[in-house]
Amino acid sequence: ADFGIAKAAQKTISGSGTGTIGYMAPEQAMGKPSTRSDVFSIG
């Protein structure tokens, strides 16, 4: 659930990281999420 902060991959994502601290990949915390960031959270 909760695709509220999901982003279309083609779009530029700016600003600081969105997500929940403790469950996000290091690069996502820097505002650069990708599909690989979701992989990290699943891991």
PDB file of all heavy atoms in Angstrom:
ATOM      1  N   ALA A   1       0.833  -1.207   0.000  1.00  0.00           N
ATOM      2  CA  ALA A   1       0.000   0.000   0.000  1.00  0.00           C
ATOM      3  C   ALA A   1       0.867   1.255   0.000  1.00  0.00           C
ATOM      4  O   ALA A   1       2.095   1.187   0.069  1.00  0.00           O
ATOM      5  CB  ALA A   1      -0.898  -0.001   1.239  1.00  0.00           C
ATOM      6  N   ASP A   2       0.195   2.384  -0.058  1.00  0.00           N
ATOM      7  CA  ASP A   2       0.796   3.703   0.105  1.00  0.00           C
ATOM      8  C   ASP A   2       1.835   4.042  -0.954  1.00  0.00           C
ATOM      9  O   ASP A   2       3.029   4.132  -0.687  1.00  0.00           O
ATOM     10  CB  ASP A   2       1.393   3.869   1.506  1.00  0.00           C
ATOM     11  CG  ASP A   2       1.594   5.342   1.850  1.00  0.00           C
ATOM     12  OD1 ASP A   2       1.262   6.198   1.003  1.00  0.00           O
ATOM     13  OD2 ASP A   2       2.079   5.632   2.943  1.00  0.00           O
ATOM     14  N   PHE A   3       1.340   4.261  -2.153  1.00  0.00           N
ATOM     15  CA  PHE A   3       2.206   4.765  -3.221  1.00  0.00           C
ATOM     16  C   PHE A   3       2.197   6.298  -3.208  1.00  0.00           C
ATOM     17  O   PHE A   3       2.464   6.944  -4.203  1.00  0.00           O
ATOM     18  CB  PHE A   3       1.741   4.237  -4.582  1.00  0.00           C
ATOM     19  CG  PHE A   3       2.217   2.845  -4.873  1.00  0.00           C
ATOM     20  CD1 PHE A   3       1.571   1.758  -4.315  1.00  0.00           C
ATOM     21  CD2 PHE A   3       3.319   2.622  -5.670  1.00  0.00           C
ATOM     22  CE1 PHE A   3       1.996   0.463  -4.563  1.00  0.00           C
ATOM     23  CE2 PHE A   3       3.765   1.337  -5.927  1.00  0.00           C
ATOM     24  CZ  PHE A   3       3.104   0.259  -5.375  1.00  0.00           C
ATOM     25  N   GLY A   4       1.880   6.871  -2.046  1.00  0.00           N
ATOM     26  CA  GLY A   4       1.756   8.325  -1.923  1.00  0.00           C
ATOM     27  C   GLY A   4       3.012   9.087  -2.274  1.00  0.00           C
ATOM     28  O   GLY A   4       2.955  10.216  -2.739  1.00  0.00           O
ATOM     29  N   ILE A   5       4.185   8.476  -2.031  1.00  0.00           N
ATOM     30  CA  ILE A   5       5.410   9.189  -2.407  1.00  0.00           C
ATOM     31  C   ILE A   5       6.164   8.442  -3.502  1.00  0.00           C
ATOM     32  O   ILE A   5       7.334   8.663  -3.742  1.00  0.00           O
ATOM     33  CB  ILE A   5       6.340   9.428  -1.192  1.00  0.00           C
ATOM     34  CG1 ILE A   5       6.686   8.125  -0.483  1.00  0.00           C
ATOM     35  CG2 ILE A   5       5.701  10.415  -0.227  1.00  0.00           C
ATOM     36  CD1 ILE A   5       7.715   8.306   0.620  1.00  0.00           C
ATOM     37  N   ALA A   6       5.449   7.511  -4.145  1.00  0.00           N
ATOM     38  CA  ALA A   6       6.064   6.822  -5.280  1.00  0.00           C
ATOM     39  C   ALA A   6       6.296   7.819  -6.411  1.00  0.00           C
ATOM     40  O   ALA A   6       5.584   8.791  -6.556  1.00  0.00           O
ATOM     41  CB  ALA A   6       5.137   5.704  -5.760  1.00  0.00           C
ATOM     42  N   LYS A   7       7.301   7.566  -7.182  1.00  0.00           N
ATOM     43  CA  LYS A   7       7.662   8.473  -8.274  1.00  0.00           C
ATOM     44  C   LYS A   7       7.765   7.717  -9.594  1.00  0.00           C
ATOM     45  O   LYS A   7       8.209   6.577  -9.628  1.00  0.00           O
ATOM     46  CB  LYS A   7       9.022   9.134  -7.994  1.00  0.00           C
ATOM     47  CG  LYS A   7       9.118   9.833  -6.641  1.00  0.00           C
ATOM     48  CD  LYS A   7       8.281  11.085  -6.592  1.00  0.00           C
ATOM     49  CE  LYS A   7       8.431  11.779  -5.251  1.00  0.00           C
ATOM     50  NZ  LYS A   7       7.639  12.981  -5.140  1.00  0.00           N
ATOM     51  N   ALA A   8       7.345   8.359 -10.664  1.00  0.00           N
ATOM     52  CA  ALA A   8       7.573   7.770 -11.979  1.00  0.00           C
ATOM     53  C   ALA A   8       9.067   7.837 -12.270  1.00  0.00           C
ATOM     54  O   ALA A   8       9.705   8.859 -12.087  1.00  0.00           O
ATOM     55  CB  ALA A   8       6.794   8.551 -13.045  1.00  0.00           C
ATOM     56  N   ALA A   9       9.629   6.731 -12.691  1.00  0.00           N
ATOM     57  CA  ALA A   9      11.087   6.634 -12.827  1.00  0.00           C
ATOM     58  C   ALA A   9      11.647   7.622 -13.842  1.00  0.00           C
ATOM     59  O   ALA A   9      12.793   8.039 -13.737  1.00  0.00           O
ATOM     60  CB  ALA A   9      11.472   5.210 -13.225  1.00  0.00           C
ATOM     61  N   GLN A  10      10.829   7.999 -14.826  1.00  0.00           N
ATOM     62  CA  GLN A  10      11.357   8.903 -15.852  1.00  0.00           C
ATOM     63  C   GLN A  10      11.494  10.335 -15.342  1.00  0.00           C
ATOM     64  O   GLN A  10      12.191  11.144 -15.923  1.00  0.00           O
ATOM     65  CB  GLN A  10      10.450   8.918 -17.086  1.00  0.00           C
ATOM     66  CG  GLN A  10      10.145   7.549 -17.664  1.00  0.00           C
ATOM     67  CD  GLN A  10       8.808   7.039 -17.145  1.00  0.00           C
ATOM     68  OE1 GLN A  10       8.506   7.184 -15.979  1.00  0.00           O
ATOM     69  NE2 GLN A  10       8.031   6.438 -18.030  1.00  0.00           N
ATOM     70  N   LYS A  11      10.799  10.644 -14.252  1.00  0.00           N
ATOM     71  CA  LYS A  11      10.799  12.020 -13.775  1.00  0.00           C
ATOM     72  C   LYS A  11      11.997  12.297 -12.874  1.00  0.00           C
ATOM     73  O   LYS A  11      12.474  11.431 -12.163  1.00  0.00           O
ATOM     74  CB  LYS A  11       9.504  12.306 -13.007  1.00  0.00           C
ATOM     75  CG  LYS A  11       8.265  12.255 -13.890  1.00  0.00           C
ATOM     76  CD  LYS A  11       7.020  12.526 -13.080  1.00  0.00           C
ATOM     77  CE  LYS A  11       5.777  12.442 -13.957  1.00  0.00           C
ATOM     78  NZ  LYS A  11       4.550  12.615 -13.166  1.00  0.00           N
ATOM     79  N   THR A  12      12.456  13.522 -12.885  1.00  0.00           N
ATOM     80  CA  THR A  12      13.545  13.917 -12.010  1.00  0.00           C
ATOM     81  C   THR A  12      13.027  14.042 -10.587  1.00  0.00           C
ATOM     82  O   THR A  12      11.985  14.619 -10.349  1.00  0.00           O
ATOM     83  CB  THR A  12      14.125  15.285 -12.443  1.00  0.00           C
ATOM     84  OG1 THR A  12      14.561  15.171 -13.781  1.00  0.00           O
ATOM     85  CG2 THR A  12      15.281  15.686 -11.549  1.00  0.00           C
ATOM     86  N   ILE A  13      13.770  13.464  -9.643  1.00  0.00           N
ATOM     87  CA  ILE A  13      13.390  13.553  -8.241  1.00  0.00           C
ATOM     88  C   ILE A  13      14.354  14.513  -7.564  1.00  0.00           C
ATOM     89  O   ILE A  13      15.555  14.307  -7.552  1.00  0.00           O
ATOM     90  CB  ILE A  13      13.441  12.170  -7.568  1.00  0.00           C
ATOM     91  CG1 ILE A  13      12.493  11.226  -8.304  1.00  0.00           C
ATOM     92  CG2 ILE A  13      13.068  12.251  -6.106  1.00  0.00           C
ATOM     93  CD1 ILE A  13      12.668   9.790  -7.951  1.00  0.00           C
ATOM     94  N   SER A  14      13.812  15.568  -7.027  1.00  0.00           N
ATOM     95  CA  SER A  14      14.672  16.582  -6.432  1.00  0.00           C
ATOM     96  C   SER A  14      14.420  16.699  -4.943  1.00  0.00           C
ATOM     97  O   SER A  14      13.486  16.126  -4.405  1.00  0.00           O
ATOM     98  CB  SER A  14      14.409  17.930  -7.105  1.00  0.00           C
ATOM     99  OG  SER A  14      13.052  18.292  -6.932  1.00  0.00           O
ATOM    100  N   GLY A  15      15.250  17.439  -4.280  1.00  0.00           N
ATOM    101  CA  GLY A  15      15.072  17.673  -2.848  1.00  0.00           C
ATOM    102  C   GLY A  15      15.666  16.553  -2.025  1.00  0.00           C
ATOM    103  O   GLY A  15      16.322  15.652  -2.529  1.00  0.00           O
ATOM    104  N   SER A  16      15.443  16.632  -0.721  1.00  0.00           N
ATOM    105  CA  SER A  16      16.002  15.626   0.175  1.00  0.00           C
ATOM    106  C   SER A  16      15.227  14.331   0.026  1.00  0.00           C
ATOM    107  O   SER A  16      14.166  14.277  -0.580  1.00  0.00           O
ATOM    108  CB  SER A  16      15.898  16.123   1.623  1.00  0.00           C
ATOM    109  OG  SER A  16      14.558  16.363   1.956  1.00  0.00           O
ATOM    110  N   GLY A  17      15.751  13.260   0.605  1.00  0.00           N
ATOM    111  CA  GLY A  17      15.154  11.947   0.450  1.00  0.00           C
ATOM    112  C   GLY A  17      13.758  11.857   1.042  1.00  0.00           C
ATOM    113  O   GLY A  17      13.473  12.425   2.078  1.00  0.00           O
ATOM    114  N   THR A  18      12.886  11.154   0.329  1.00  0.00           N
ATOM    115  CA  THR A  18      11.573  10.842   0.878  1.00  0.00           C
ATOM    116  C   THR A  18      11.573   9.367   1.229  1.00  0.00           C
ATOM    117  O   THR A  18      12.208   8.566   0.568  1.00  0.00           O
ATOM    118  CB  THR A  18      10.469  11.131  -0.151  1.00  0.00           C
ATOM    119  OG1 THR A  18      10.776  10.451  -1.363  1.00  0.00           O
ATOM    120  CG2 THR A  18      10.343  12.614  -0.406  1.00  0.00           C
ATOM    121  N   GLY A  19      10.822   9.002   2.242  1.00  0.00           N
ATOM    122  CA  GLY A  19      10.830   7.620   2.695  1.00  0.00           C
ATOM    123  C   GLY A  19      10.887   7.611   4.211  1.00  0.00           C
ATOM    124  O   GLY A  19      10.707   8.643   4.859  1.00  0.00           O
ATOM    125  N   THR A  20      11.116   6.440   4.780  1.00  0.00           N
ATOM    126  CA  THR A  20      11.169   6.301   6.225  1.00  0.00           C
ATOM    127  C   THR A  20      12.571   5.915   6.650  1.00  0.00           C
ATOM    128  O   THR A  20      13.112   4.907   6.179  1.00  0.00           O
ATOM    129  CB  THR A  20      10.159   5.236   6.702  1.00  0.00           C
ATOM    130  OG1 THR A  20       8.851   5.617   6.250  1.00  0.00           O
ATOM    131  CG2 THR A  20      10.161   5.115   8.214  1.00  0.00           C
ATOM    132  N   ILE A  21      13.174   6.715   7.511  1.00  0.00           N
ATOM    133  CA  ILE A  21      14.521   6.430   8.004  1.00  0.00           C
ATOM    134  C   ILE A  21      14.525   5.046   8.637  1.00  0.00           C
ATOM    135  O   ILE A  21      13.633   4.682   9.375  1.00  0.00           O
ATOM    136  CB  ILE A  21      14.954   7.481   9.057  1.00  0.00           C
ATOM    137  CG1 ILE A  21      14.995   8.872   8.430  1.00  0.00           C
ATOM    138  CG2 ILE A  21      16.307   7.132   9.658  1.00  0.00           C
ATOM    139  CD1 ILE A  21      15.990   9.060   7.337  1.00  0.00           C
ATOM    140  N   GLY A  22      15.561   4.274   8.338  1.00  0.00           N
ATOM    141  CA  GLY A  22      15.648   2.925   8.877  1.00  0.00           C
ATOM    142  C   GLY A  22      15.245   1.876   7.862  1.00  0.00           C
ATOM    143  O   GLY A  22      15.621   0.721   7.973  1.00  0.00           O
ATOM    144  N   TYR A  23      14.489   2.296   6.840  1.00  0.00           N
ATOM    145  CA  TYR A  23      14.049   1.353   5.809  1.00  0.00           C
ATOM    146  C   TYR A  23      14.521   1.752   4.420  1.00  0.00           C
ATOM    147  O   TYR A  23      14.159   1.117   3.442  1.00  0.00           O
ATOM    148  CB  TYR A  23      12.514   1.250   5.799  1.00  0.00           C
ATOM    149  CG  TYR A  23      11.919   0.749   7.083  1.00  0.00           C
ATOM    150  CD1 TYR A  23      11.291   1.627   7.968  1.00  0.00           C
ATOM    151  CD2 TYR A  23      12.002  -0.589   7.438  1.00  0.00           C
ATOM    152  CE1 TYR A  23      10.737   1.179   9.156  1.00  0.00           C
ATOM    153  CE2 TYR A  23      11.454  -1.046   8.629  1.00  0.00           C
ATOM    154  CZ  TYR A  23      10.825  -0.159   9.484  1.00  0.00           C
ATOM    155  OH  TYR A  23      10.281  -0.613  10.668  1.00  0.00           O
ATOM    156  N   MET A  24      15.269   2.833   4.331  1.00  0.00           N
ATOM    157  CA  MET A  24      15.631   3.307   3.001  1.00  0.00           C
ATOM    158  C   MET A  24      17.113   3.132   2.705  1.00  0.00           C
ATOM    159  O   MET A  24      17.956   3.064   3.604  1.00  0.00           O
ATOM    160  CB  MET A  24      15.223   4.767   2.810  1.00  0.00           C
ATOM    161  CG  MET A  24      16.050   5.762   3.587  1.00  0.00           C
ATOM    162  SD  MET A  24      15.700   7.467   3.065  1.00  0.00           S
ATOM    163  CE  MET A  24      14.195   7.806   3.964  1.00  0.00           C
ATOM    164  N   ALA A  25      17.413   3.034   1.423  1.00  0.00           N
ATOM    165  CA  ALA A  25      18.789   2.889   0.952  1.00  0.00           C
ATOM    166  C   ALA A  25      19.555   4.187   1.174  1.00  0.00           C
ATOM    167  O   ALA A  25      18.968   5.272   1.183  1.00  0.00           O
ATOM    168  CB  ALA A  25      18.776   2.537  -0.532  1.00  0.00           C
ATOM    169  N   PRO A  26      20.885   4.083   1.341  1.00  0.00           N
ATOM    170  CA  PRO A  26      21.695   5.291   1.583  1.00  0.00           C
ATOM    171  C   PRO A  26      21.502   6.375   0.528  1.00  0.00           C
ATOM    172  O   PRO A  26      21.368   7.551   0.865  1.00  0.00           O
ATOM    173  CB  PRO A  26      23.134   4.753   1.587  1.00  0.00           C
ATOM    174  CG  PRO A  26      22.995   3.336   2.036  1.00  0.00           C
ATOM    175  CD  PRO A  26      21.701   2.857   1.428  1.00  0.00           C
ATOM    176  N   GLU A  27      21.451   5.985  -0.761  1.00  0.00           N
ATOM    177  CA  GLU A  27      21.324   7.007  -1.810  1.00  0.00           C
ATOM    178  C   GLU A  27      19.942   7.649  -1.797  1.00  0.00           C
ATOM    179  O   GLU A  27      19.787   8.793  -2.207  1.00  0.00           O
ATOM    180  CB  GLU A  27      21.641   6.403  -3.194  1.00  0.00           C
ATOM    181  CG  GLU A  27      20.573   5.522  -3.794  1.00  0.00           C
ATOM    182  CD  GLU A  27      20.544   4.109  -3.234  1.00  0.00           C
ATOM    183  OE1 GLU A  27      21.399   3.770  -2.385  1.00  0.00           O
ATOM    184  OE2 GLU A  27      19.663   3.332  -3.647  1.00  0.00           O
ATOM    185  N   GLN A  28      18.933   6.919  -1.330  1.00  0.00           N
ATOM    186  CA  GLN A  28      17.589   7.497  -1.247  1.00  0.00           C
ATOM    187  C   GLN A  28      17.548   8.593  -0.198  1.00  0.00           C
ATOM    188  O   GLN A  28      16.882   9.614  -0.365  1.00  0.00           O
ATOM    189  CB  GLN A  28      16.564   6.409  -0.916  1.00  0.00           C
ATOM    190  CG  GLN A  28      15.126   6.904  -0.976  1.00  0.00           C
ATOM    191  CD  GLN A  28      14.124   5.784  -0.743  1.00  0.00           C
ATOM    192  OE1 GLN A  28      14.399   4.621  -1.017  1.00  0.00           O
ATOM    193  NE2 GLN A  28      12.961   6.134  -0.227  1.00  0.00           N
ATOM    194  N   ALA A  29      18.289   8.389   0.890  1.00  0.00           N
ATOM    195  CA  ALA A  29      18.367   9.409   1.940  1.00  0.00           C
ATOM    196  C   ALA A  29      19.024  10.688   1.412  1.00  0.00           C
ATOM    197  O   ALA A  29      18.820  11.770   1.962  1.00  0.00           O
ATOM    198  CB  ALA A  29      19.142   8.876   3.140  1.00  0.00           C
ATOM    199  N   MET A  30      19.788  10.543   0.318  1.00  0.00           N
ATOM    200  CA  MET A  30      20.441  11.698  -0.306  1.00  0.00           C
ATOM    201  C   MET A  30      19.578  12.295  -1.420  1.00  0.00           C
ATOM    202  O   MET A  30      20.007  13.188  -2.136  1.00  0.00           O
ATOM    203  CB  MET A  30      21.795  11.281  -0.891  1.00  0.00           C
ATOM    204  CG  MET A  30      22.748  10.674   0.117  1.00  0.00           C
ATOM    205  SD  MET A  30      23.292  11.852   1.373  1.00  0.00           S
ATOM    206  CE  MET A  30      24.409  12.852   0.384  1.00  0.00           C
ATOM    207  N   GLY A  31      18.349  11.780  -1.561  1.00  0.00           N
ATOM    208  CA  GLY A  31      17.440  12.324  -2.565  1.00  0.00           C
ATOM    209  C   GLY A  31      17.624  11.758  -3.953  1.00  0.00           C
ATOM    210  O   GLY A  31      17.223  12.382  -4.929  1.00  0.00           O
ATOM    211  N   LYS A  32      18.228  10.551  -4.045  1.00  0.00           N
ATOM    212  CA  LYS A  32      18.466   9.948  -5.362  1.00  0.00           C
ATOM    213  C   LYS A  32      17.913   8.522  -5.435  1.00  0.00           C
ATOM    214  O   LYS A  32      18.653   7.567  -5.681  1.00  0.00           O
ATOM    215  CB  LYS A  32      19.966   9.943  -5.668  1.00  0.00           C
ATOM    216  CG  LYS A  32      20.571  11.331  -5.736  1.00  0.00           C
ATOM    217  CD  LYS A  32      22.068  11.264  -5.975  1.00  0.00           C
ATOM    218  CE  LYS A  32      22.672  12.659  -6.026  1.00  0.00           C
ATOM    219  NZ  LYS A  32      24.149  12.624  -6.193  1.00  0.00           N
ATOM    220  N   PRO A  33      16.620   8.338  -5.195  1.00  0.00           N
ATOM    221  CA  PRO A  33      16.057   6.985  -5.233  1.00  0.00           C
ATOM    222  C   PRO A  33      15.961   6.428  -6.646  1.00  0.00           C
ATOM    223  O   PRO A  33      15.879   7.181  -7.616  1.00  0.00           O
ATOM    224  CB  PRO A  33      14.668   7.168  -4.629  1.00  0.00           C
ATOM    225  CG  PRO A  33      14.313   8.584  -4.939  1.00  0.00           C
ATOM    226  CD  PRO A  33      15.597   9.350  -4.885  1.00  0.00           C
ATOM    227  N   SER A  34      15.968   5.113  -6.740  1.00  0.00           N
ATOM    228  CA  SER A  34      15.792   4.411  -8.009  1.00  0.00           C
ATOM    229  C   SER A  34      15.140   3.076  -7.698  1.00  0.00           C
ATOM    230  O   SER A  34      14.852   2.770  -6.533  1.00  0.00           O
ATOM    231  CB  SER A  34      17.153   4.187  -8.690  1.00  0.00           C
ATOM    232  OG  SER A  34      17.901   3.215  -7.960  1.00  0.00           O
ATOM    233  N   THR A  35      14.923   2.269  -8.718  1.00  0.00           N
ATOM    234  CA  THR A  35      14.382   0.932  -8.473  1.00  0.00           C
ATOM    235  C   THR A  35      15.316   0.138  -7.565  1.00  0.00           C
ATOM    236  O   THR A  35      14.867  -0.709  -6.784  1.00  0.00           O
ATOM    237  CB  THR A  35      14.180   0.166  -9.795  1.00  0.00           C
ATOM    238  OG1 THR A  35      15.401   0.199 -10.548  1.00  0.00           O
ATOM    239  CG2 THR A  35      13.060   0.788 -10.624  1.00  0.00           C
ATOM    240  N   ARG A  36      16.605   0.414  -7.635  1.00  0.00           N
ATOM    241  CA  ARG A  36      17.576  -0.280  -6.774  1.00  0.00           C
ATOM    242  C   ARG A  36      17.380   0.090  -5.301  1.00  0.00           C
ATOM    243  O   ARG A  36      17.742  -0.684  -4.416  1.00  0.00           O
ATOM    244  CB  ARG A  36      19.006   0.051  -7.219  1.00  0.00           C
ATOM    245  CG  ARG A  36      19.337  -0.461  -8.623  1.00  0.00           C
ATOM    246  CD  ARG A  36      20.687   0.037  -9.105  1.00  0.00           C
ATOM    247  NE  ARG A  36      20.871  -0.176 -10.527  1.00  0.00           N
ATOM    248  CZ  ARG A  36      21.514  -1.209 -11.068  1.00  0.00           C
ATOM    249  NH1 ARG A  36      22.032  -2.131 -10.270  1.00  0.00           N
ATOM    250  NH2 ARG A  36      21.640  -1.325 -12.372  1.00  0.00           N
ATOM    251  N   SER A  37      16.803   1.259  -5.039  1.00  0.00           N
ATOM    252  CA  SER A  37      16.512   1.658  -3.659  1.00  0.00           C
ATOM    253  C   SER A  37      15.389   0.804  -3.080  1.00  0.00           C
ATOM    254  O   SER A  37      15.430   0.400  -1.915  1.00  0.00           O
ATOM    255  CB  SER A  37      16.125   3.134  -3.602  1.00  0.00           C
ATOM    256  OG  SER A  37      17.058   3.944  -4.273  1.00  0.00           O
ATOM    257  N   ASP A  38      14.371   0.526  -3.892  1.00  0.00           N
ATOM    258  CA  ASP A  38      13.301  -0.376  -3.455  1.00  0.00           C
ATOM    259  C   ASP A  38      13.857  -1.767  -3.177  1.00  0.00           C
ATOM    260  O   ASP A  38      13.440  -2.438  -2.228  1.00  0.00           O
ATOM    261  CB  ASP A  38      12.206  -0.468  -4.521  1.00  0.00           C
ATOM    262  CG  ASP A  38      11.248   0.723  -4.507  1.00  0.00           C
ATOM    263  OD1 ASP A  38      11.319   1.549  -3.575  1.00  0.00           O
ATOM    264  OD2 ASP A  38      10.420   0.810  -5.443  1.00  0.00           O
ATOM    265  N   VAL A  39      14.795  -2.209  -4.014  1.00  0.00           N
ATOM    266  CA  VAL A  39      15.448  -3.511  -3.805  1.00  0.00           C
ATOM    267  C   VAL A  39      16.111  -3.549  -2.437  1.00  0.00           C
ATOM    268  O   VAL A  39      16.008  -4.536  -1.698  1.00  0.00           O
ATOM    269  CB  VAL A  39      16.484  -3.788  -4.927  1.00  0.00           C
ATOM    270  CG1 VAL A  39      17.463  -4.899  -4.525  1.00  0.00           C
ATOM    271  CG2 VAL A  39      15.770  -4.151  -6.225  1.00  0.00           C
ATOM    272  N   PHE A  40      16.777  -2.473  -2.064  1.00  0.00           N
ATOM    273  CA  PHE A  40      17.443  -2.393  -0.763  1.00  0.00           C
ATOM    274  C   PHE A  40      16.424  -2.536   0.366  1.00  0.00           C
ATOM    275  O   PHE A  40      16.641  -3.292   1.324  1.00  0.00           O
ATOM    276  CB  PHE A  40      18.186  -1.058  -0.639  1.00  0.00           C
ATOM    277  CG  PHE A  40      19.081  -0.953   0.570  1.00  0.00           C
ATOM    278  CD1 PHE A  40      20.416  -1.334   0.507  1.00  0.00           C
ATOM    279  CD2 PHE A  40      18.597  -0.470   1.777  1.00  0.00           C
ATOM    280  CE1 PHE A  40      21.247  -1.236   1.614  1.00  0.00           C
ATOM    281  CE2 PHE A  40      19.412  -0.370   2.899  1.00  0.00           C
ATOM    282  CZ  PHE A  40      20.751  -0.755   2.811  1.00  0.00           C
ATOM    283  N   SER A  41      15.305  -1.821   0.260  1.00  0.00           N
ATOM    284  CA  SER A  41      14.271  -1.886   1.300  1.00  0.00           C
ATOM    285  C   SER A  41      13.698  -3.296   1.430  1.00  0.00           C
ATOM    286  O   SER A  41      13.436  -3.772   2.540  1.00  0.00           O
ATOM    287  CB  SER A  41      13.151  -0.892   0.991  1.00  0.00           C
ATOM    288  OG  SER A  41      13.639   0.439   1.006  1.00  0.00           O
ATOM    289  N   ILE A  42      13.513  -3.979   0.290  1.00  0.00           N
ATOM    290  CA  ILE A  42      13.033  -5.362   0.326  1.00  0.00           C
ATOM    291  C   ILE A  42      14.089  -6.256   0.978  1.00  0.00           C
ATOM    292  O   ILE A  42      13.760  -7.169   1.747  1.00  0.00           O
ATOM    293  CB  ILE A  42      12.697  -5.859  -1.090  1.00  0.00           C
ATOM    294  CG1 ILE A  42      11.539  -5.046  -1.677  1.00  0.00           C
ATOM    295  CG2 ILE A  42      12.334  -7.349  -1.072  1.00  0.00           C
ATOM    296  CD1 ILE A  42      11.314  -5.278  -3.154  1.00  0.00           C
ATOM    297  N   GLY A  43      15.360  -5.978   0.695  1.00  0.00           N
ATOM    298  CA  GLY A  43      16.444  -6.736   1.310  1.00  0.00           C
ATOM    299  C   GLY A  43      16.438  -6.618   2.823  1.00  0.00           C
ATOM    300  O   GLY A  43      16.705  -7.595   3.544  1.00  0.00           O
TER     301      GLY A  43
END
